[in-house]
């Protein structure tokens, strides 16, 4: 059990670190478009889609980390798609079509906890970028 938690913690720390770096990229993208004044659906869509694309790239990289960990420790049965299995766990879909090896069963919930936390963080950032962009647009109108 301790090995599972230690490996899960390591993968989580790697995911959180990637997410932190990607947040810095998002801030650069959002600040680069800070000159927006006056409301424009196109401008709002550009800011929001840029932020969401960066976040989707971050989450994909984070899932790939989990897939590498799963492959390294032999979590899934031979021939299983580790990337698919990692996505199912990280996103908490839990299809159950691939069952982890009994001795590594705790890694799935750790990956799910990591995914939930990072998706929550992403949601908060998306909301804040939208809020600040709308405030800047409103300031430009008045």
N, C-alpha and C. Protein backbone atom coordinates (compact mmCIF):
# COMPACT_ATOMS: atom_id res chain seq x y z
N UNK A 1 0.82 -1.20 0.00
CA UNK A 1 0.00 0.00 0.00
C UNK A 1 0.87 1.27 0.00
N UNK A 2 1.94 1.27 0.77
CA UNK A 2 2.81 2.44 0.80
C UNK A 2 3.47 2.70 -0.55
N UNK A 3 3.83 1.64 -1.24
CA UNK A 3 4.43 1.81 -2.58
C UNK A 3 3.43 2.46 -3.53
N UNK A 4 2.18 2.04 -3.46
CA UNK A 4 1.15 2.63 -4.32
C UNK A 4 0.99 4.11 -4.02
N UNK A 5 0.93 4.44 -2.74
CA UNK A 5 0.75 5.84 -2.36
C UNK A 5 1.97 6.68 -2.74
N UNK A 6 3.16 6.12 -2.57
CA UNK A 6 4.38 6.86 -2.92
C UNK A 6 4.45 7.10 -4.43
N UNK A 7 4.16 6.09 -5.22
CA UNK A 7 4.18 6.24 -6.68
C UNK A 7 3.07 7.18 -7.13
N UNK A 8 1.90 7.05 -6.52
CA UNK A 8 0.79 7.96 -6.84
C UNK A 8 1.12 9.39 -6.48
N UNK A 9 1.78 9.59 -5.34
CA UNK A 9 2.18 10.94 -4.94
C UNK A 9 3.19 11.52 -5.92
N UNK A 10 4.13 10.69 -6.36
CA UNK A 10 5.11 11.16 -7.34
C UNK A 10 4.47 11.58 -8.65
N UNK A 11 3.55 10.75 -9.14
CA UNK A 11 2.85 11.09 -10.39
C UNK A 11 1.99 12.34 -10.20
N UNK A 12 1.37 12.46 -9.03
CA UNK A 12 0.55 13.65 -8.75
C UNK A 12 1.40 14.91 -8.71
N UNK A 13 2.55 14.82 -8.08
CA UNK A 13 3.45 15.98 -8.01
C UNK A 13 3.90 16.39 -9.41
N UNK A 14 4.21 15.41 -10.25
CA UNK A 14 4.58 15.72 -11.64
C UNK A 14 3.43 16.41 -12.36
N UNK A 15 2.22 15.91 -12.18
CA UNK A 15 1.03 16.51 -12.82
C UNK A 15 0.79 17.92 -12.33
N UNK A 16 0.90 18.11 -11.03
CA UNK A 16 0.69 19.44 -10.45
C UNK A 16 1.75 20.42 -10.95
N UNK A 17 2.98 19.95 -11.09
CA UNK A 17 4.06 20.81 -11.59
C UNK A 17 3.78 21.23 -13.03
N UNK A 18 3.38 20.27 -13.86
CA UNK A 18 3.02 20.61 -15.24
C UNK A 18 1.89 21.62 -15.25
N UNK A 19 0.88 21.39 -14.42
CA UNK A 19 -0.26 22.29 -14.37
C UNK A 19 0.18 23.70 -13.95
N UNK A 20 1.10 23.77 -13.01
CA UNK A 20 1.61 25.08 -12.57
C UNK A 20 2.29 25.82 -13.70
N UNK A 21 3.15 25.10 -14.45
CA UNK A 21 3.83 25.73 -15.58
C UNK A 21 2.82 26.17 -16.64
N UNK A 22 1.83 25.35 -16.89
CA UNK A 22 0.82 25.70 -17.90
C UNK A 22 -0.01 26.90 -17.43
N UNK A 23 -0.20 27.04 -16.13
CA UNK A 23 -0.91 28.22 -15.62
C UNK A 23 -0.11 29.48 -15.96
N UNK A 24 1.21 29.40 -15.88
CA UNK A 24 2.04 30.55 -16.25
C UNK A 24 1.86 30.87 -17.73
N UNK A 25 1.75 29.85 -18.58
CA UNK A 25 1.51 30.07 -20.00
C UNK A 25 0.15 30.75 -20.21
N UNK A 26 -0.85 30.27 -19.49
CA UNK A 26 -2.19 30.85 -19.62
C UNK A 26 -2.18 32.32 -19.20
N UNK A 27 -1.48 32.63 -18.13
CA UNK A 27 -1.40 34.03 -17.69
C UNK A 27 -0.74 34.89 -18.76
N UNK A 28 0.31 34.37 -19.41
CA UNK A 28 0.95 35.12 -20.50
C UNK A 28 -0.03 35.34 -21.65
N UNK A 29 -0.76 34.28 -22.01
CA UNK A 29 -1.73 34.38 -23.11
C UNK A 29 -2.81 35.40 -22.76
N UNK A 30 -3.34 35.31 -21.55
CA UNK A 30 -4.41 36.22 -21.13
C UNK A 30 -3.91 37.66 -21.05
N UNK A 31 -2.70 37.84 -20.52
CA UNK A 31 -2.15 39.20 -20.40
C UNK A 31 -1.78 39.79 -21.75
N UNK A 32 -1.39 38.93 -22.69
CA UNK A 32 -1.06 39.41 -24.03
C UNK A 32 -2.29 40.00 -24.71
N UNK A 33 -3.45 39.55 -24.29
CA UNK A 33 -4.69 40.04 -24.88
C UNK A 33 -5.39 41.04 -23.95
N UNK A 34 -4.64 41.58 -23.00
CA UNK A 34 -5.21 42.49 -22.01
C UNK A 34 -5.62 43.84 -22.59
N UNK A 35 -5.13 44.14 -23.78
CA UNK A 35 -5.45 45.42 -24.39
C UNK A 35 -6.86 45.49 -24.97
N UNK A 36 -7.62 44.44 -24.83
CA UNK A 36 -8.97 44.41 -25.39
C UNK A 36 -9.83 45.46 -24.69
N UNK A 37 -10.43 46.29 -25.47
CA UNK A 37 -11.34 47.30 -24.93
C UNK A 37 -12.62 47.25 -25.75
N UNK A 38 -13.74 47.38 -25.11
CA UNK A 38 -15.01 47.29 -25.81
C UNK A 38 -15.38 45.84 -26.05
N UNK A 39 -16.66 45.57 -25.95
CA UNK A 39 -17.12 44.19 -26.06
C UNK A 39 -17.10 43.70 -27.50
N UNK A 40 -16.56 42.52 -27.68
CA UNK A 40 -16.55 41.86 -28.97
C UNK A 40 -16.63 40.36 -28.72
N UNK A 41 -17.62 39.73 -29.32
CA UNK A 41 -17.74 38.27 -29.16
C UNK A 41 -16.50 37.56 -29.69
N UNK A 42 -15.95 38.06 -30.76
CA UNK A 42 -14.76 37.45 -31.35
C UNK A 42 -13.56 37.56 -30.40
N UNK A 43 -13.39 38.72 -29.78
CA UNK A 43 -12.29 38.90 -28.83
C UNK A 43 -12.46 38.00 -27.63
N UNK A 44 -13.66 37.92 -27.11
CA UNK A 44 -13.93 37.06 -25.96
C UNK A 44 -13.67 35.59 -26.32
N UNK A 45 -14.12 35.18 -27.49
CA UNK A 45 -13.90 33.80 -27.94
C UNK A 45 -12.42 33.51 -28.10
N UNK A 46 -11.66 34.47 -28.59
CA UNK A 46 -10.22 34.29 -28.77
C UNK A 46 -9.52 34.09 -27.43
N UNK A 47 -9.85 34.90 -26.45
CA UNK A 47 -9.24 34.78 -25.12
C UNK A 47 -9.61 33.45 -24.48
N UNK A 48 -10.89 33.13 -24.50
CA UNK A 48 -11.35 31.92 -23.82
C UNK A 48 -10.86 30.65 -24.52
N UNK A 49 -10.92 30.61 -25.84
CA UNK A 49 -10.48 29.39 -26.53
C UNK A 49 -8.97 29.19 -26.39
N UNK A 50 -8.22 30.28 -26.35
CA UNK A 50 -6.77 30.16 -26.12
C UNK A 50 -6.50 29.54 -24.75
N UNK A 51 -7.18 30.02 -23.74
CA UNK A 51 -6.99 29.50 -22.38
C UNK A 51 -7.40 28.03 -22.29
N UNK A 52 -8.53 27.69 -22.87
CA UNK A 52 -9.02 26.31 -22.79
C UNK A 52 -8.10 25.36 -23.57
N UNK A 53 -7.57 25.80 -24.70
CA UNK A 53 -6.64 24.95 -25.46
C UNK A 53 -5.38 24.66 -24.66
N UNK A 54 -4.86 25.66 -23.99
CA UNK A 54 -3.67 25.46 -23.15
C UNK A 54 -4.00 24.48 -22.02
N UNK A 55 -5.17 24.63 -21.41
CA UNK A 55 -5.57 23.73 -20.33
C UNK A 55 -5.78 22.30 -20.82
N UNK A 56 -6.35 22.14 -21.99
CA UNK A 56 -6.53 20.79 -22.53
C UNK A 56 -5.18 20.13 -22.83
N UNK A 57 -4.23 20.91 -23.32
CA UNK A 57 -2.88 20.39 -23.54
C UNK A 57 -2.26 19.96 -22.21
N UNK A 58 -2.46 20.77 -21.18
CA UNK A 58 -1.93 20.45 -19.85
C UNK A 58 -2.51 19.14 -19.34
N UNK A 59 -3.81 19.00 -19.41
CA UNK A 59 -4.45 17.78 -18.92
C UNK A 59 -4.01 16.55 -19.72
N UNK A 60 -3.82 16.72 -21.01
CA UNK A 60 -3.36 15.59 -21.84
C UNK A 60 -1.96 15.16 -21.42
N UNK A 61 -1.07 16.12 -21.18
CA UNK A 61 0.27 15.79 -20.70
C UNK A 61 0.22 15.09 -19.34
N UNK A 62 -0.66 15.55 -18.49
CA UNK A 62 -0.79 14.97 -17.16
C UNK A 62 -1.29 13.53 -17.23
N UNK A 63 -2.23 13.27 -18.12
CA UNK A 63 -2.72 11.90 -18.32
C UNK A 63 -1.59 11.02 -18.85
N UNK A 64 -0.77 11.59 -19.73
CA UNK A 64 0.36 10.82 -20.27
C UNK A 64 1.33 10.41 -19.16
N UNK A 65 1.52 11.27 -18.19
CA UNK A 65 2.37 10.91 -17.04
C UNK A 65 1.80 9.68 -16.34
N UNK A 66 0.49 9.70 -16.10
CA UNK A 66 -0.14 8.56 -15.44
C UNK A 66 -0.01 7.30 -16.30
N UNK A 67 -0.12 7.43 -17.62
CA UNK A 67 0.01 6.28 -18.50
C UNK A 67 1.42 5.69 -18.41
N UNK A 68 2.43 6.54 -18.36
CA UNK A 68 3.81 6.07 -18.22
C UNK A 68 3.99 5.34 -16.89
N UNK A 69 3.43 5.89 -15.84
CA UNK A 69 3.51 5.25 -14.52
C UNK A 69 2.82 3.89 -14.56
N UNK A 70 1.63 3.84 -15.13
CA UNK A 70 0.89 2.58 -15.22
C UNK A 70 1.70 1.52 -15.97
N UNK A 71 2.30 1.94 -17.08
CA UNK A 71 3.10 0.99 -17.87
C UNK A 71 4.33 0.55 -17.08
N UNK A 72 4.99 1.49 -16.40
CA UNK A 72 6.23 1.18 -15.67
C UNK A 72 6.01 0.17 -14.54
N UNK A 73 4.89 0.29 -13.85
CA UNK A 73 4.66 -0.61 -12.71
C UNK A 73 3.80 -1.82 -13.08
N UNK A 74 3.28 -1.85 -14.28
CA UNK A 74 2.48 -3.00 -14.72
C UNK A 74 1.09 -3.05 -14.10
N UNK A 75 0.44 -1.91 -14.07
CA UNK A 75 -0.90 -1.83 -13.47
C UNK A 75 -1.94 -2.59 -14.28
N UNK A 76 -1.94 -2.37 -15.57
CA UNK A 76 -2.98 -2.95 -16.44
C UNK A 76 -2.52 -4.29 -17.01
N UNK A 77 -3.48 -5.12 -17.40
CA UNK A 77 -3.13 -6.41 -18.00
C UNK A 77 -2.34 -6.24 -19.30
N UNK A 78 -1.61 -7.26 -19.67
CA UNK A 78 -0.83 -7.24 -20.91
C UNK A 78 -1.75 -6.91 -22.09
N UNK A 79 -1.27 -6.04 -22.95
CA UNK A 79 -2.02 -5.66 -24.14
C UNK A 79 -3.03 -4.54 -23.92
N UNK A 80 -3.18 -4.09 -22.68
CA UNK A 80 -4.13 -3.00 -22.39
C UNK A 80 -3.55 -1.67 -22.87
N UNK A 81 -4.43 -0.77 -23.24
CA UNK A 81 -4.03 0.57 -23.67
C UNK A 81 -3.86 1.43 -22.42
N UNK A 82 -2.61 1.68 -22.05
CA UNK A 82 -2.33 2.42 -20.82
C UNK A 82 -2.81 3.87 -20.88
N UNK A 83 -2.71 4.49 -22.05
CA UNK A 83 -3.18 5.87 -22.19
C UNK A 83 -4.69 5.94 -21.98
N UNK A 84 -5.41 5.03 -22.59
CA UNK A 84 -6.87 4.97 -22.41
C UNK A 84 -7.20 4.75 -20.94
N UNK A 85 -6.52 3.79 -20.31
CA UNK A 85 -6.76 3.47 -18.91
C UNK A 85 -6.47 4.69 -18.03
N UNK A 86 -5.41 5.43 -18.36
CA UNK A 86 -5.07 6.63 -17.60
C UNK A 86 -6.15 7.70 -17.77
N UNK A 87 -6.65 7.88 -18.98
CA UNK A 87 -7.72 8.86 -19.21
C UNK A 87 -8.98 8.50 -18.42
N UNK A 88 -9.33 7.23 -18.43
CA UNK A 88 -10.53 6.77 -17.72
C UNK A 88 -10.41 7.04 -16.22
N UNK A 89 -9.24 6.79 -15.66
CA UNK A 89 -9.05 7.05 -14.23
C UNK A 89 -8.97 8.54 -13.92
N UNK A 90 -8.17 9.28 -14.68
CA UNK A 90 -7.94 10.71 -14.43
C UNK A 90 -9.23 11.51 -14.52
N UNK A 91 -10.08 11.13 -15.46
CA UNK A 91 -11.33 11.86 -15.65
C UNK A 91 -12.47 11.30 -14.81
N UNK A 92 -12.19 10.28 -14.04
CA UNK A 92 -13.15 9.60 -13.14
C UNK A 92 -14.31 8.95 -13.90
N UNK A 93 -14.09 8.58 -15.16
CA UNK A 93 -15.14 7.90 -15.91
C UNK A 93 -15.41 6.51 -15.33
N UNK A 94 -14.34 5.78 -15.03
CA UNK A 94 -14.49 4.49 -14.39
C UNK A 94 -15.30 3.48 -15.18
N UNK A 95 -15.01 3.30 -16.46
CA UNK A 95 -15.75 2.34 -17.28
C UNK A 95 -15.67 0.92 -16.72
N UNK A 96 -14.52 0.55 -16.21
CA UNK A 96 -14.36 -0.78 -15.66
C UNK A 96 -14.02 -1.85 -16.67
N UNK A 97 -13.76 -1.45 -17.91
CA UNK A 97 -13.41 -2.45 -18.92
C UNK A 97 -11.97 -2.92 -18.80
N UNK A 98 -11.12 -2.13 -18.16
CA UNK A 98 -9.76 -2.55 -17.82
C UNK A 98 -9.66 -2.52 -16.30
N UNK A 99 -9.30 -3.64 -15.73
CA UNK A 99 -9.21 -3.74 -14.27
C UNK A 99 -7.74 -3.78 -13.89
N UNK A 100 -7.34 -2.93 -12.94
CA UNK A 100 -5.93 -2.91 -12.55
C UNK A 100 -5.53 -4.17 -11.79
N UNK A 101 -4.23 -4.46 -11.81
CA UNK A 101 -3.70 -5.57 -11.02
C UNK A 101 -4.02 -5.28 -9.55
N UNK A 102 -4.37 -6.31 -8.81
CA UNK A 102 -4.82 -6.14 -7.42
C UNK A 102 -3.81 -5.37 -6.57
N UNK A 103 -2.53 -5.62 -6.77
CA UNK A 103 -1.55 -4.95 -5.92
C UNK A 103 -1.34 -3.48 -6.26
N UNK A 104 -1.91 -3.02 -7.38
CA UNK A 104 -1.80 -1.60 -7.78
C UNK A 104 -3.17 -0.92 -7.82
N UNK A 105 -4.16 -1.51 -7.24
CA UNK A 105 -5.53 -1.02 -7.33
C UNK A 105 -5.71 0.40 -6.77
N UNK A 106 -4.87 0.81 -5.86
CA UNK A 106 -5.00 2.13 -5.23
C UNK A 106 -4.57 3.27 -6.16
N UNK A 107 -3.80 2.96 -7.20
CA UNK A 107 -3.34 4.03 -8.11
C UNK A 107 -4.48 4.68 -8.87
N UNK A 108 -5.51 3.93 -9.21
CA UNK A 108 -6.66 4.49 -9.93
C UNK A 108 -7.34 5.61 -9.15
N UNK A 109 -7.70 5.37 -7.89
CA UNK A 109 -8.32 6.44 -7.11
C UNK A 109 -7.38 7.63 -6.87
N UNK A 110 -6.09 7.38 -6.75
CA UNK A 110 -5.14 8.49 -6.58
C UNK A 110 -5.12 9.33 -7.85
N UNK A 111 -5.11 8.67 -9.02
CA UNK A 111 -5.15 9.40 -10.29
C UNK A 111 -6.46 10.18 -10.42
N UNK A 112 -7.56 9.59 -10.00
CA UNK A 112 -8.86 10.26 -10.06
C UNK A 112 -8.88 11.49 -9.16
N UNK A 113 -8.33 11.35 -7.96
CA UNK A 113 -8.26 12.49 -7.04
C UNK A 113 -7.42 13.61 -7.65
N UNK A 114 -6.30 13.24 -8.26
CA UNK A 114 -5.43 14.21 -8.91
C UNK A 114 -6.18 14.91 -10.05
N UNK A 115 -6.88 14.13 -10.88
CA UNK A 115 -7.63 14.71 -11.99
C UNK A 115 -8.73 15.65 -11.53
N UNK A 116 -9.48 15.24 -10.52
CA UNK A 116 -10.55 16.10 -10.01
C UNK A 116 -10.00 17.44 -9.53
N UNK A 117 -8.91 17.38 -8.77
CA UNK A 117 -8.32 18.61 -8.25
C UNK A 117 -7.82 19.52 -9.37
N UNK A 118 -7.17 18.92 -10.37
CA UNK A 118 -6.63 19.74 -11.45
C UNK A 118 -7.73 20.26 -12.38
N UNK A 119 -8.80 19.49 -12.57
CA UNK A 119 -9.94 20.01 -13.34
C UNK A 119 -10.62 21.15 -12.59
N UNK A 120 -10.71 21.03 -11.28
CA UNK A 120 -11.27 22.12 -10.48
C UNK A 120 -10.43 23.39 -10.60
N UNK A 121 -9.12 23.22 -10.53
CA UNK A 121 -8.20 24.34 -10.68
C UNK A 121 -8.39 24.98 -12.06
N UNK A 122 -8.49 24.16 -13.08
CA UNK A 122 -8.69 24.66 -14.45
C UNK A 122 -10.00 25.43 -14.56
N UNK A 123 -11.05 24.90 -13.96
CA UNK A 123 -12.35 25.57 -14.01
C UNK A 123 -12.28 26.94 -13.34
N UNK A 124 -11.60 27.01 -12.21
CA UNK A 124 -11.45 28.29 -11.51
C UNK A 124 -10.68 29.29 -12.37
N UNK A 125 -9.66 28.84 -13.06
CA UNK A 125 -8.86 29.72 -13.92
C UNK A 125 -9.69 30.20 -15.11
N UNK A 126 -10.43 29.30 -15.73
CA UNK A 126 -11.29 29.68 -16.86
C UNK A 126 -12.29 30.75 -16.42
N UNK A 127 -12.91 30.52 -15.27
CA UNK A 127 -13.89 31.49 -14.76
C UNK A 127 -13.22 32.84 -14.49
N UNK A 128 -12.05 32.83 -13.89
CA UNK A 128 -11.37 34.09 -13.56
C UNK A 128 -10.94 34.84 -14.82
N UNK A 129 -10.47 34.12 -15.82
CA UNK A 129 -10.09 34.78 -17.07
C UNK A 129 -11.32 35.39 -17.72
N UNK A 130 -12.44 34.66 -17.73
CA UNK A 130 -13.68 35.20 -18.28
C UNK A 130 -14.12 36.44 -17.51
N UNK A 131 -14.07 36.37 -16.19
CA UNK A 131 -14.49 37.50 -15.35
C UNK A 131 -13.64 38.73 -15.62
N UNK A 132 -12.32 38.54 -15.62
CA UNK A 132 -11.43 39.69 -15.84
C UNK A 132 -11.54 40.25 -17.26
N UNK A 133 -11.71 39.38 -18.23
CA UNK A 133 -11.86 39.84 -19.61
C UNK A 133 -13.14 40.66 -19.76
N UNK A 134 -14.22 40.19 -19.18
CA UNK A 134 -15.48 40.95 -19.25
C UNK A 134 -15.36 42.28 -18.54
N UNK A 135 -14.66 42.33 -17.42
CA UNK A 135 -14.46 43.60 -16.70
C UNK A 135 -13.68 44.57 -17.60
N UNK A 136 -12.60 44.08 -18.23
CA UNK A 136 -11.82 44.95 -19.13
C UNK A 136 -12.67 45.44 -20.30
N UNK A 137 -13.49 44.55 -20.83
CA UNK A 137 -14.36 44.94 -21.95
C UNK A 137 -15.39 45.97 -21.50
N UNK A 138 -15.96 45.76 -20.31
CA UNK A 138 -16.92 46.73 -19.79
C UNK A 138 -16.28 48.08 -19.53
N UNK A 139 -15.03 48.09 -19.03
CA UNK A 139 -14.33 49.35 -18.79
C UNK A 139 -14.10 50.10 -20.08
N UNK A 140 -13.87 49.38 -21.17
CA UNK A 140 -13.67 50.01 -22.46
C UNK A 140 -14.93 50.60 -23.04
N UNK A 141 -16.10 50.09 -22.62
CA UNK A 141 -17.38 50.59 -23.13
C UNK A 141 -17.77 51.88 -22.41
N UNK A 142 -17.46 51.95 -21.12
CA UNK A 142 -17.92 53.10 -20.31
C UNK A 142 -16.98 54.25 -20.38
